C-alpha atoms as a PDB file:
ATOM      1  CA  MET A   1      -8.999 -24.517  -8.218  1.00  0.00           C
ATOM      2  CA  THR A   2     -11.081 -23.303  -5.283  1.00  0.00           C
ATOM      3  CA  SER A   3      -9.210 -25.119  -2.399  1.00  0.00           C
ATOM      4  CA  LYS A   4      -5.778 -23.545  -3.915  1.00  0.00           C
ATOM      5  CA  LEU A   5      -6.634 -20.141  -4.102  1.00  0.00           C
ATOM      6  CA  PHE A   6      -8.861 -20.187  -0.971  1.00  0.00           C
ATOM      7  CA  ARG A   7      -4.852 -21.646   1.001  1.00  0.00           C
ATOM      8  CA  ALA A   8      -3.239 -18.914  -0.605  1.00  0.00           C
ATOM      9  CA  ALA A   9      -6.241 -16.040   0.722  1.00  0.00           C
ATOM     10  CA  PHE A  10      -5.920 -17.102   3.961  1.00  0.00           C
ATOM     11  CA  ALA A  11      -1.750 -17.648   3.778  1.00  0.00           C
ATOM     12  CA  ALA A  12      -1.453 -14.044   2.949  1.00  0.00           C
ATOM     13  CA  ALA A  13      -4.380 -12.367   5.063  1.00  0.00           C
ATOM     14  CA  PHE A  14      -2.415 -14.358   8.158  1.00  0.00           C
ATOM     15  CA  ILE A  15       1.122 -13.349   7.394  1.00  0.00           C
ATOM     16  CA  VAL A  16      -0.241  -9.520   6.052  1.00  0.00           C
ATOM     17  CA  GLY A  17      -2.719  -8.756   9.596  1.00  0.00           C
ATOM     18  CA  GLY A  18      -1.232 -12.094  11.520  1.00  0.00           C
ATOM     19  CA  THR A  19      -1.616  -9.853  14.653  1.00  0.00           C
ATOM     20  CA  ALA A  20      -5.272  -7.369  15.471  1.00  0.00           C
ATOM     21  CA  GLY A  21      -4.835  -4.294  14.540  1.00  0.00           C
ATOM     22  CA  ILE A  22      -1.166  -4.899  12.738  1.00  0.00           C
ATOM     23  CA  ALA A  23      -1.581  -4.293   8.495  1.00  0.00           C
ATOM     24  CA  ARG A  24       2.301  -5.396   8.684  1.00  0.00           C
ATOM     25  CA  ALA A  25       5.599  -6.003  10.353  1.00  0.00           C
ATOM     26  CA  GLU A  26       9.182  -5.086   9.321  1.00  0.00           C
ATOM     27  CA  SER A  27      12.523  -5.358  11.280  1.00  0.00           C
ATOM     28  CA  GLY A  28      15.954  -3.600  10.361  1.00  0.00           C
ATOM     29  CA  ILE A  29      18.429  -0.734  11.687  1.00  0.00           C
ATOM     30  CA  ALA A  30      16.688   2.525  12.427  1.00  0.00           C
ATOM     31  CA  SER A  31      19.026   5.797  12.210  1.00  0.00           C
ATOM     32  CA  VAL A  32      18.689   9.045  13.532  1.00  0.00           C
ATOM     33  CA  TYR A  33      17.645  11.326  11.105  1.00  0.00           C
ATOM     34  CA  GLY A  34      19.998  13.960  10.095  1.00  0.00           C
ATOM     35  CA  TYR A  35      18.031  17.054   8.904  1.00  0.00           C
ATOM     36  CA  ALA A  36      19.573  18.836   5.495  1.00  0.00           C
ATOM     37  CA  GLY A  37      16.560  21.570   4.780  1.00  0.00           C
ATOM     38  CA  SER A  38      13.610  22.493   6.503  1.00  0.00           C
ATOM     39  CA  LYS A  39      10.980  20.666   4.656  1.00  0.00           C
ATOM     40  CA  THR A  40       9.711  17.133   4.865  1.00  0.00           C
ATOM     41  CA  ALA A  41       8.808  15.696   1.730  1.00  0.00           C
ATOM     42  CA  SER A  42       5.157  15.460   2.751  1.00  0.00           C
ATOM     43  CA  GLY A  43       5.620  19.090   3.023  1.00  0.00           C
ATOM     44  CA  GLU A  44       5.686  19.755   6.900  1.00  0.00           C
ATOM     45  CA  ARG A  45       8.476  21.268   8.573  1.00  0.00           C
ATOM     46  CA  ALA A  46      11.539  19.225   9.799  1.00  0.00           C
ATOM     47  CA  GLN A  47      10.931  19.114  13.509  1.00  0.00           C
ATOM     48  CA  PRO A  48      13.659  16.871  15.508  1.00  0.00           C
ATOM     49  CA  GLY A  49      11.677  16.877  18.868  1.00  0.00           C
ATOM     50  CA  GLY A  50       8.272  15.165  16.724  1.00  0.00           C
ATOM     51  CA  LEU A  51       7.698  11.953  16.762  1.00  0.00           C
ATOM     52  CA  THR A  52       7.978  10.931  13.065  1.00  0.00           C
ATOM     53  CA  ALA A  53      10.436   9.037  10.341  1.00  0.00           C
ATOM     54  CA  ALA A  54      10.838   8.573   7.195  1.00  0.00           C
ATOM     55  CA  HIS A  55       9.807   5.456   5.445  1.00  0.00           C
ATOM     56  CA  ARG A  56      11.055   4.353   1.775  1.00  0.00           C
ATOM     57  CA  THR A  57       7.651   2.901   0.721  1.00  0.00           C
ATOM     58  CA  LEU A  58       5.185   3.517   3.743  1.00  0.00           C
ATOM     59  CA  LYS A  59       2.290   6.755   2.943  1.00  0.00           C
ATOM     60  CA  PHE A  60       2.144  10.146   4.507  1.00  0.00           C
ATOM     61  CA  GLY A  61       0.424   9.722   7.185  1.00  0.00           C
ATOM     62  CA  THR A  62       1.019   5.941   8.293  1.00  0.00           C
ATOM     63  CA  GLN A  63       1.271   5.557  12.251  1.00  0.00           C
ATOM     64  CA  VAL A  64       4.472   2.472  12.990  1.00  0.00           C
ATOM     65  CA  GLN A  65       5.248   1.192  16.087  1.00  0.00           C
ATOM     66  CA  VAL A  66       8.887   0.793  16.429  1.00  0.00           C
ATOM     67  CA  THR A  67      10.666  -1.571  18.642  1.00  0.00           C
ATOM     68  CA  ASN A  68      14.100  -1.694  19.982  1.00  0.00           C
ATOM     69  CA  LYS A  69      15.134  -4.997  19.754  1.00  0.00           C
ATOM     70  CA  ARG A  70      18.094  -4.042  22.585  1.00  0.00           C
ATOM     71  CA  ASN A  71      15.340  -3.597  25.372  1.00  0.00           C
ATOM     72  CA  GLY A  72      12.406  -3.701  24.185  1.00  0.00           C
ATOM     73  CA  ARG A  73      11.000   0.080  24.487  1.00  0.00           C
ATOM     74  CA  THR A  74       8.335   0.956  21.957  1.00  0.00           C
ATOM     75  CA  VAL A  75       7.428   4.474  19.949  1.00  0.00           C
ATOM     76  CA  THR A  76       4.851   4.803  18.467  1.00  0.00           C
ATOM     77  CA  VAL A  77       5.812   8.042  14.893  1.00  0.00           C
ATOM     78  CA  ARG A  78       4.481   9.096  11.914  1.00  0.00           C
ATOM     79  CA  ILE A  79       5.744   8.627   8.654  1.00  0.00           C
ATOM     80  CA  ASN A  80       6.446  11.957   7.223  1.00  0.00           C
ATOM     81  CA  ASP A  81       9.420  11.830   4.844  1.00  0.00           C
ATOM     82  CA  ARG A  82      10.973   9.421   2.407  1.00  0.00           C
ATOM     83  CA  GLY A  83      14.764   7.682   3.280  1.00  0.00           C
ATOM     84  CA  PRO A  84      16.297   5.815   4.118  1.00  0.00           C
ATOM     85  CA  PHE A  85      18.503   5.957   1.312  1.00  0.00           C
ATOM     86  CA  ILE A  86      21.183   2.834   2.848  1.00  0.00           C
ATOM     87  CA  ARG A  87      20.985  -0.607   2.603  1.00  0.00           C
ATOM     88  CA  GLY A  88      19.742  -2.716   5.861  1.00  0.00           C
ATOM     89  CA  ARG A  89      18.112   0.435   6.720  1.00  0.00           C
ATOM     90  CA  VAL A  90      14.132   0.645   7.398  1.00  0.00           C
ATOM     91  CA  ILE A  91      13.589   3.448   9.153  1.00  0.00           C
ATOM     92  CA  ASP A  92      15.143   7.003   9.726  1.00  0.00           C
ATOM     93  CA  LEU A  93      13.802   8.356  13.227  1.00  0.00           C
ATOM     94  CA  THR A  94      13.977  12.132  14.978  1.00  0.00           C
ATOM     95  CA  PRO A  95      16.313  12.371  17.509  1.00  0.00           C
ATOM     96  CA  ALA A  96      12.860  12.269  19.890  1.00  0.00           C
ATOM     97  CA  GLY A  97      12.155   9.204  18.472  1.00  0.00           C
ATOM     98  CA  ALA A  98      15.135   7.765  18.696  1.00  0.00           C
ATOM     99  CA  ARG A  99      15.860   8.959  22.501  1.00  0.00           C
ATOM    100  CA  ALA A 100      11.796   7.570  23.219  1.00  0.00           C
ATOM    101  CA  LEU A 101      13.379   4.025  22.363  1.00  0.00           C
ATOM    102  CA  GLY A 102      16.771   4.709  24.316  1.00  0.00           C
ATOM    103  CA  PHE A 103      19.501   4.960  21.502  1.00  0.00           C
ATOM    104  CA  ASN A 104      21.730   7.150  19.658  1.00  0.00           C
ATOM    105  CA  GLY A 105      23.089   6.383  16.161  1.00  0.00           C
ATOM    106  CA  LEU A 106      21.995   2.516  15.134  1.00  0.00           C
ATOM    107  CA  ALA A 107      19.542   0.044  16.632  1.00  0.00           C
ATOM    108  CA  PRO A 108      18.151  -3.276  15.277  1.00  0.00           C
ATOM    109  CA  VAL A 109      14.345  -2.800  15.379  1.00  0.00           C
ATOM    110  CA  THR A 110      11.143  -4.311  13.762  1.00  0.00           C
ATOM    111  CA  LEU A 111       8.311  -2.244  12.093  1.00  0.00           C
ATOM    112  CA  ALA A 112       4.028  -2.875  13.085  1.00  0.00           C
ATOM    113  CA  VAL A 113       2.643  -0.933  10.723  1.00  0.00           C
ATOM    114  CA  LEU A 114      -0.480   0.358  12.902  1.00  0.00           C
ATOM    115  CA  ASN A 115      -2.950   1.965   9.862  1.00  0.00           C
ATOM    116  CA  LYS A 116      -2.349   2.060   6.307  1.00  0.00           C
END
């Protein structure tokens, strides 16, 4: 029983923290954030020029490194809102975040959570 428990714990630690300093990784489609109101779900004022993003489950304030799979560009954003609510999309970026990654519209990305 102990060896099964140890193997399960080791596998979970490897999957979750396989890269130093990165707690979790996720891939999918990123979209550019369309601001409908003046406040985000966290209560902050929406700032299209800020490096912030919306994610369905990550805690507000979480730092995420987003990498555009097409061109390799990366940007670090802070989660301050909820969304996206369209299947297959993993993150909504502000226009400034999308510009930093070199896209407008949609792009395939990888997310790496830098803190929790």
